[in-house]
Amino acid sequence: MPLLPRWLRRLLLAPAVVLLAIVVVTTLPAWALLAAAASPLVPGRLRPLRLFWIGCVYLVWDAAALLALFGLWVASGFGWRNRSPAFQRAHYVLAGWFLRVLFWHARWALRLSIDVVGTDPDTALPGRPELVLCRHAGPGDSFILIHALVNWFNREPRIVLKDSLQWDPAIDVLLNRLPNRFIAPTPERGEETVRQVGHLADGLDDNDAFVIFPEGGNFTPKRRLRAIARLRSLGLERMALRAERMRHVLAPQPGGMLAALEAAPDAGVIFVAHTGLDRMRTVADVWRELPMDKRIAMRFWSVPPEEVPTGRQERIDWLYDWWARIDAWIAANRDVAA
């Protein structure tokens, strides 16, 4: 579905979310009673009530974020100083606070825990920017990664995201005020996408983290097969064979990484693997898993800039080597995390 123009999204979607949140909060007892009454009829402990609560929290969270962002917009001179360092920092602080609130509720309502092992981006390469390359699988994995970078590692992320995420008004407003790029991942726009990624990675400072998901989408078995078939259609048989040996990840697309490395040659590279939500690929999967009782394990590996290969093909092979390592780590840890 094509996106509405930005001015129309601001005019229609943002006020609609705030009004809907007000309606839900003022009628909360009635909805909660209905969800509680339905709970004995559904397998799982209080599943409808938990699902209602999660949806309600996210809706109110979205509306509160929009109101706070409106306040920042007014304070910045109706957007005039939004790009100044002080107001950019204020937006990162706001994002960190709202992510803490969101994950506090996730831990309480879903019994969800997150364990990070491996490199701390602030101690691995202190005073240097980072390029963060993460696998993509399960609901909310990008939220989890950004929460870790902002709140645990005190980084200011620049993120490459799918343009469809702009249907969420709070994400739309917040991330378009910060140095991020929403892209439409289509083959015909490949060169333009790579150019935008390189532009975004230019000028990183010492506490920036450039975040990209080289797979281009959440892992599913069908997407894995399509990615392998696409490599073969491009005549990249060796890459296709390597992708076939990786069972838990999609074949990485190197264009964005290559552009980022060219734009930020002094940056370190962090590879991120995670597991725990892999099997939840659809709304039905999420419903079946409630309450989740999940432990999400995240693994960080750090590579200093002097160890990053310099040639184009060497960098592509290096990316595939790391993705094979991530695939092996997931295979060894997915059942433990679940």
Protein backbone atom coordinates (compact mmCIF):
# COMPACT_ATOMS: atom_id res chain seq x y z
CA MET A 1 0.00 0.00 0.00
CA PRO A 2 1.54 3.35 -1.04
CA LEU A 3 2.26 5.83 1.73
CA LEU A 4 0.27 9.01 2.10
CA PRO A 5 2.26 12.23 1.64
CA ARG A 6 3.99 13.33 4.83
CA TRP A 7 1.81 16.42 5.36
CA LEU A 8 -1.32 14.29 5.04
CA ARG A 9 0.01 11.69 7.49
CA ARG A 10 0.63 14.48 10.00
CA LEU A 11 -2.82 15.92 9.43
CA LEU A 12 -4.78 12.65 9.62
CA LEU A 13 -2.90 9.84 11.35
CA ALA A 14 -1.29 11.61 14.30
CA PRO A 15 -4.51 13.29 15.58
CA ALA A 16 -6.43 10.04 14.96
CA VAL A 17 -4.05 8.07 17.19
CA VAL A 18 -4.32 10.64 20.00
CA LEU A 19 -8.14 10.68 19.80
CA LEU A 20 -8.33 6.89 19.69
CA ALA A 21 -6.07 6.65 22.75
CA ILE A 22 -8.37 9.05 24.64
CA VAL A 23 -11.42 6.97 23.70
CA VAL A 24 -9.77 3.70 24.74
CA VAL A 25 -8.54 5.09 28.07
CA THR A 26 -11.93 6.61 28.97
CA THR A 27 -13.70 3.33 28.17
CA LEU A 28 -10.94 1.12 29.58
CA PRO A 29 -13.02 -0.62 32.31
CA ALA A 30 -15.59 -1.84 29.78
CA TRP A 31 -13.00 -3.21 27.37
CA ALA A 32 -11.04 -4.82 30.21
CA LEU A 33 -14.17 -6.55 31.51
CA LEU A 34 -14.95 -7.91 28.04
CA ALA A 35 -11.39 -9.20 27.62
CA ALA A 36 -11.47 -10.77 31.09
CA ALA A 37 -14.82 -12.43 30.36
CA ALA A 38 -13.42 -13.91 27.13
CA SER A 39 -10.24 -15.18 28.80
CA PRO A 40 -11.70 -18.46 30.20
CA LEU A 41 -12.93 -19.34 26.71
CA VAL A 42 -9.46 -19.17 25.16
CA PRO A 43 -6.46 -21.44 25.85
CA GLY A 44 -3.64 -19.80 27.76
CA ARG A 45 -3.64 -17.79 30.94
CA LEU A 46 -5.58 -14.52 30.45
CA ARG A 47 -4.60 -14.41 26.80
CA PRO A 48 -7.29 -11.92 25.56
CA LEU A 49 -6.71 -9.68 28.56
CA ARG A 50 -2.96 -9.66 28.00
CA LEU A 51 -3.38 -8.96 24.28
CA PHE A 52 -5.79 -6.11 25.03
CA TRP A 53 -3.36 -4.66 27.57
CA ILE A 54 -0.43 -4.82 25.14
CA GLY A 55 -2.45 -3.09 22.43
CA CYS A 56 -3.71 -0.46 24.87
CA VAL A 57 -0.23 0.27 26.20
CA TYR A 58 1.20 0.62 22.70
CA LEU A 59 -1.63 2.94 21.61
CA VAL A 60 -1.24 5.19 24.67
CA TRP A 61 2.55 5.03 24.27
CA ASP A 62 2.21 6.19 20.66
CA ALA A 63 -0.15 9.01 21.59
CA ALA A 64 2.02 10.19 24.50
CA ALA A 65 5.09 10.19 22.24
CA LEU A 66 3.22 12.31 19.68
CA LEU A 67 2.20 14.84 22.33
CA ALA A 68 5.77 15.04 23.65
CA LEU A 69 7.08 15.47 20.09
CA PHE A 70 4.54 18.24 19.52
CA GLY A 71 5.88 19.96 22.63
CA LEU A 72 9.44 19.72 21.30
CA TRP A 73 8.28 21.08 17.96
CA VAL A 74 6.75 24.15 19.66
CA ALA A 75 9.81 24.63 21.91
CA SER A 76 12.12 24.48 18.87
CA GLY A 77 10.35 27.47 17.33
CA PHE A 78 7.72 25.41 15.51
CA GLY A 79 10.39 23.22 14.01
CA TRP A 80 12.88 25.97 13.20
CA ARG A 81 15.63 24.56 15.48
CA ASN A 82 14.75 20.85 15.25
CA ARG A 83 18.06 20.11 13.50
CA SER A 84 20.19 21.93 16.06
CA PRO A 85 22.45 19.74 18.25
CA ALA A 86 20.47 20.55 21.41
CA PHE A 87 17.11 19.53 19.96
CA GLN A 88 18.58 16.50 18.20
CA ARG A 89 19.90 15.37 21.58
CA ALA A 90 16.51 16.09 23.16
CA HIS A 91 14.85 13.79 20.61
CA TYR A 92 17.32 10.98 21.39
CA VAL A 93 16.69 11.41 25.13
CA LEU A 94 12.94 11.28 24.49
CA ALA A 95 13.33 8.14 22.36
CA GLY A 96 15.35 6.47 25.13
CA TRP A 97 12.77 7.30 27.77
CA PHE A 98 9.85 5.97 25.72
CA LEU A 99 11.76 2.78 24.85
CA ARG A 100 12.47 2.18 28.55
CA VAL A 101 8.77 2.52 29.30
CA LEU A 102 7.83 0.17 26.45
CA PHE A 103 10.26 -2.56 27.53
CA TRP A 104 9.30 -2.23 31.18
CA HIS A 105 5.74 -3.11 30.15
CA ALA A 106 7.00 -5.92 27.90
CA ARG A 107 8.87 -7.47 30.81
CA TRP A 108 5.81 -7.16 33.05
CA ALA A 109 3.02 -8.19 30.66
CA LEU A 110 4.86 -10.70 28.48
CA ARG A 111 7.49 -11.93 30.94
CA LEU A 112 10.10 -10.99 28.35
CA SER A 113 13.79 -10.77 29.25
CA ILE A 114 16.73 -9.59 27.15
CA ASP A 115 20.30 -10.76 27.72
CA VAL A 116 23.17 -9.15 25.84
CA VAL A 117 26.45 -11.02 25.61
CA GLY A 118 29.69 -10.13 23.89
CA THR A 119 30.97 -6.69 22.97
CA ASP A 120 29.75 -3.49 24.59
CA PRO A 121 29.97 -0.85 21.82
CA ASP A 122 31.11 1.75 24.35
CA THR A 123 34.08 -0.28 25.62
CA ALA A 124 35.15 -1.99 22.39
CA LEU A 125 36.02 1.17 20.47
CA PRO A 126 35.59 4.14 22.81
CA GLY A 127 35.42 7.49 21.05
CA ARG A 128 34.72 5.98 17.64
CA PRO A 129 31.52 5.66 15.61
CA GLU A 130 30.14 2.21 14.89
CA LEU A 131 28.50 0.56 11.89
CA VAL A 132 25.98 -1.90 13.36
CA LEU A 133 24.91 -4.79 11.10
CA CYS A 134 22.06 -6.83 12.55
CA ARG A 135 20.06 -9.86 11.47
CA HIS A 136 16.32 -9.31 11.08
CA ALA A 137 13.85 -11.82 12.56
CA GLY A 138 10.88 -11.77 14.90
CA PRO A 139 8.53 -8.99 16.03
CA GLY A 140 10.17 -5.94 17.51
CA ASP A 141 13.82 -6.88 16.99
CA SER A 142 14.66 -3.41 15.69
CA PHE A 143 13.03 -1.89 18.80
CA ILE A 144 15.18 -4.15 20.98
CA LEU A 145 18.40 -3.22 19.20
CA ILE A 146 17.71 0.54 19.32
CA HIS A 147 16.71 0.23 23.00
CA ALA A 148 20.08 -1.42 23.71
CA LEU A 149 22.08 1.16 21.74
CA VAL A 150 20.33 4.21 23.21
CA ASN A 151 19.74 3.17 26.81
CA TRP A 152 22.55 0.70 27.55
CA PHE A 153 25.38 1.90 25.34
CA ASN A 154 24.59 5.65 25.14
CA ARG A 155 24.74 5.76 21.36
CA GLU A 156 22.82 7.97 18.92
CA PRO A 157 21.61 5.64 16.15
CA ARG A 158 21.20 6.50 12.50
CA ILE A 159 18.92 3.83 11.09
CA VAL A 160 18.03 2.50 7.65
CA LEU A 161 14.36 1.40 7.81
CA LYS A 162 11.55 0.27 5.55
CA ASP A 163 9.34 3.15 4.46
CA SER A 164 6.19 1.24 5.53
CA LEU A 165 7.13 1.87 9.19
CA GLN A 166 6.02 5.47 8.65
CA TRP A 167 2.42 4.30 8.99
CA ASP A 168 3.11 4.42 12.74
CA PRO A 169 2.74 8.16 13.49
CA ALA A 170 5.17 8.30 16.43
CA ILE A 171 7.89 6.47 14.49
CA ASP A 172 7.15 8.65 11.48
CA VAL A 173 7.49 11.95 13.35
CA LEU A 174 10.41 11.04 15.63
CA LEU A 175 12.66 9.27 13.15
CA ASN A 176 12.10 11.78 10.35
CA ARG A 177 13.39 14.50 12.68
CA LEU A 178 16.59 12.55 13.30
CA PRO A 179 19.22 11.47 10.73
CA ASN A 180 17.56 8.27 9.48
CA ARG A 181 16.49 6.96 6.07
CA PHE A 182 13.19 5.29 5.20
CA ILE A 183 13.62 3.33 1.99
CA ALA A 184 11.43 1.22 -0.27
CA PRO A 185 13.41 -2.04 -0.71
CA THR A 186 12.73 -2.65 -4.40
CA PRO A 187 15.31 -3.91 -6.94
CA GLU A 188 14.59 -1.07 -9.39
CA ARG A 189 15.65 1.50 -6.76
CA GLY A 190 18.78 -0.37 -5.73
CA GLU A 191 21.34 2.24 -6.80
CA GLU A 192 19.35 5.10 -5.27
CA THR A 193 19.01 3.16 -2.02
CA VAL A 194 22.76 2.53 -1.85
CA ARG A 195 23.42 6.23 -2.50
CA GLN A 196 21.08 7.22 0.37
CA VAL A 197 22.75 4.74 2.71
CA GLY A 198 26.18 6.17 1.93
CA HIS A 199 24.91 9.71 2.49
CA LEU A 200 23.45 8.74 5.87
CA ALA A 201 26.74 7.14 7.01
CA ASP A 202 28.75 10.25 6.12
CA GLY A 203 29.94 12.44 8.99
CA LEU A 204 29.44 10.02 11.90
CA ASP A 205 30.78 11.33 15.21
CA ASP A 206 32.15 9.52 18.25
CA ASN A 207 28.82 8.46 19.79
CA ASP A 208 26.94 7.64 16.58
CA ALA A 209 25.86 4.14 15.60
CA PHE A 210 24.85 3.58 11.99
CA VAL A 211 22.31 0.72 11.98
CA ILE A 212 21.50 -1.41 8.97
CA PHE A 213 19.77 -4.77 8.45
CA PRO A 214 21.58 -6.31 5.46
CA GLU A 215 18.94 -9.01 4.91
CA GLY A 216 16.39 -6.35 3.96
CA GLY A 217 13.49 -7.99 5.81
CA ASN A 218 12.48 -10.41 8.53
CA PHE A 219 13.63 -14.00 8.07
CA THR A 220 11.09 -16.53 6.81
CA PRO A 221 11.80 -19.83 5.01
CA LYS A 222 10.11 -18.52 1.83
CA ARG A 223 12.18 -15.33 1.84
CA ARG A 224 15.31 -17.39 2.33
CA LEU A 225 14.54 -19.42 -0.79
CA ARG A 226 13.65 -16.28 -2.77
CA ALA A 227 16.95 -14.67 -1.77
CA ILE A 228 18.87 -17.73 -2.95
CA ALA A 229 16.93 -17.81 -6.23
CA ARG A 230 17.65 -14.11 -6.78
CA LEU A 231 21.39 -14.70 -6.38
CA ARG A 232 21.21 -17.45 -9.00
CA SER A 233 19.21 -15.22 -11.36
CA LEU A 234 22.04 -12.66 -11.11
CA GLY A 235 24.62 -15.33 -11.94
CA LEU A 236 26.08 -15.35 -8.41
CA GLU A 237 26.22 -19.12 -8.02
CA ARG A 238 28.99 -19.11 -5.42
CA MET A 239 27.02 -16.71 -3.20
CA ALA A 240 23.88 -18.81 -3.71
CA LEU A 241 25.69 -21.94 -2.55
CA ARG A 242 26.94 -20.12 0.53
CA ALA A 243 23.43 -18.85 1.26
CA GLU A 244 22.05 -22.39 0.99
CA ARG A 245 24.36 -23.50 3.79
CA MET A 246 22.90 -20.84 6.10
CA ARG A 247 19.63 -22.14 7.54
CA HIS A 248 18.52 -19.41 9.96
CA VAL A 249 19.33 -16.17 8.12
CA LEU A 250 18.67 -14.61 4.73
CA ALA A 251 21.47 -14.01 2.27
CA PRO A 252 22.83 -10.54 3.16
CA GLN A 253 22.66 -7.79 0.56
CA PRO A 254 26.07 -6.12 0.57
CA GLY A 255 25.26 -2.82 -1.19
CA GLY A 256 24.34 -0.86 1.93
CA MET A 257 27.30 -2.15 3.92
CA LEU A 258 29.74 -1.31 1.10
CA ALA A 259 28.36 2.23 0.85
CA ALA A 260 28.55 2.72 4.62
CA LEU A 261 32.14 1.47 4.82
CA GLU A 262 33.16 3.84 2.02
CA ALA A 263 31.47 6.78 3.76
CA ALA A 264 32.80 5.98 7.26
CA PRO A 265 36.24 4.33 6.88
CA ASP A 266 37.24 5.16 10.47
CA ALA A 267 34.20 3.47 12.03
CA GLY A 268 34.30 0.16 13.83
CA VAL A 269 31.86 -2.56 12.83
CA ILE A 270 29.51 -4.34 15.22
CA PHE A 271 27.72 -7.52 14.09
CA VAL A 272 24.57 -8.40 16.03
CA ALA A 273 22.80 -11.74 16.28
CA HIS A 274 19.70 -12.41 18.35
CA THR A 275 17.34 -15.26 18.95
CA GLY A 276 14.24 -15.91 21.00
CA LEU A 277 11.47 -14.55 18.79
CA ASP A 278 12.47 -16.38 15.60
CA ARG A 279 9.41 -18.60 15.41
CA MET A 280 6.93 -15.73 15.71
CA ARG A 281 6.54 -14.75 12.08
CA THR A 282 2.80 -14.03 11.89
CA VAL A 283 0.04 -12.56 14.06
CA ALA A 284 -1.17 -16.13 14.65
CA ASP A 285 2.30 -17.09 15.93
CA VAL A 286 2.31 -14.18 18.39
CA TRP A 287 -1.20 -15.09 19.59
CA ARG A 288 -0.18 -18.71 20.10
CA GLU A 289 2.89 -17.74 22.14
CA LEU A 290 1.09 -15.41 24.59
CA PRO A 291 2.05 -15.13 27.39
CA MET A 292 5.52 -15.29 25.90
CA ASP A 293 7.81 -16.18 28.81
CA LYS A 294 10.68 -15.54 26.40
CA ARG A 295 14.35 -14.92 26.93
CA ILE A 296 15.89 -13.02 24.04
CA ALA A 297 19.62 -13.50 23.67
CA MET A 298 21.64 -10.91 21.74
CA ARG A 299 25.28 -11.36 20.76
CA PHE A 300 27.57 -8.49 19.77
CA TRP A 301 30.90 -8.95 17.96
CA SER A 302 33.23 -6.02 17.42
CA VAL A 303 35.63 -5.54 14.51
CA PRO A 304 38.06 -2.57 14.66
CA PRO A 305 38.38 -0.54 11.45
CA GLU A 306 41.92 -1.72 10.75
CA GLU A 307 40.64 -5.32 10.47
CA VAL A 308 37.96 -4.51 7.88
CA PRO A 309 38.93 -5.69 4.37
CA THR A 310 39.54 -3.00 1.78
CA GLY A 311 38.59 -4.59 -1.56
CA ARG A 312 34.98 -4.76 -2.72
CA GLN A 313 34.85 -8.54 -3.24
CA GLU A 314 36.85 -9.14 -0.07
CA ARG A 315 34.27 -7.12 1.86
CA ILE A 316 31.40 -9.08 0.32
CA ASP A 317 33.07 -12.39 1.23
CA TRP A 318 33.77 -11.01 4.71
CA LEU A 319 30.08 -10.14 5.16
CA TYR A 320 29.07 -13.67 4.12
CA ASP A 321 31.65 -15.12 6.51
CA TRP A 322 30.13 -13.15 9.37
CA TRP A 323 26.60 -14.07 8.36
CA ALA A 324 27.61 -17.75 8.42
CA ARG A 325 28.99 -17.19 11.92
CA ILE A 326 25.72 -15.54 12.97
CA ASP A 327 23.79 -18.47 11.48
CA ALA A 328 25.89 -20.94 13.51
CA TRP A 329 25.39 -18.92 16.70
CA ILE A 330 21.61 -18.88 16.18
CA ALA A 331 21.57 -22.65 15.61
CA ALA A 332 23.44 -23.17 18.89
CA ASN A 333 21.38 -20.73 20.98
CA ARG A 334 17.81 -20.57 19.67
CA ASP A 335 16.48 -23.41 21.84
CA VAL A 336 18.31 -22.10 24.91
CA ALA A 337 16.82 -18.61 24.44
CA ALA A 338 13.31 -19.94 23.84
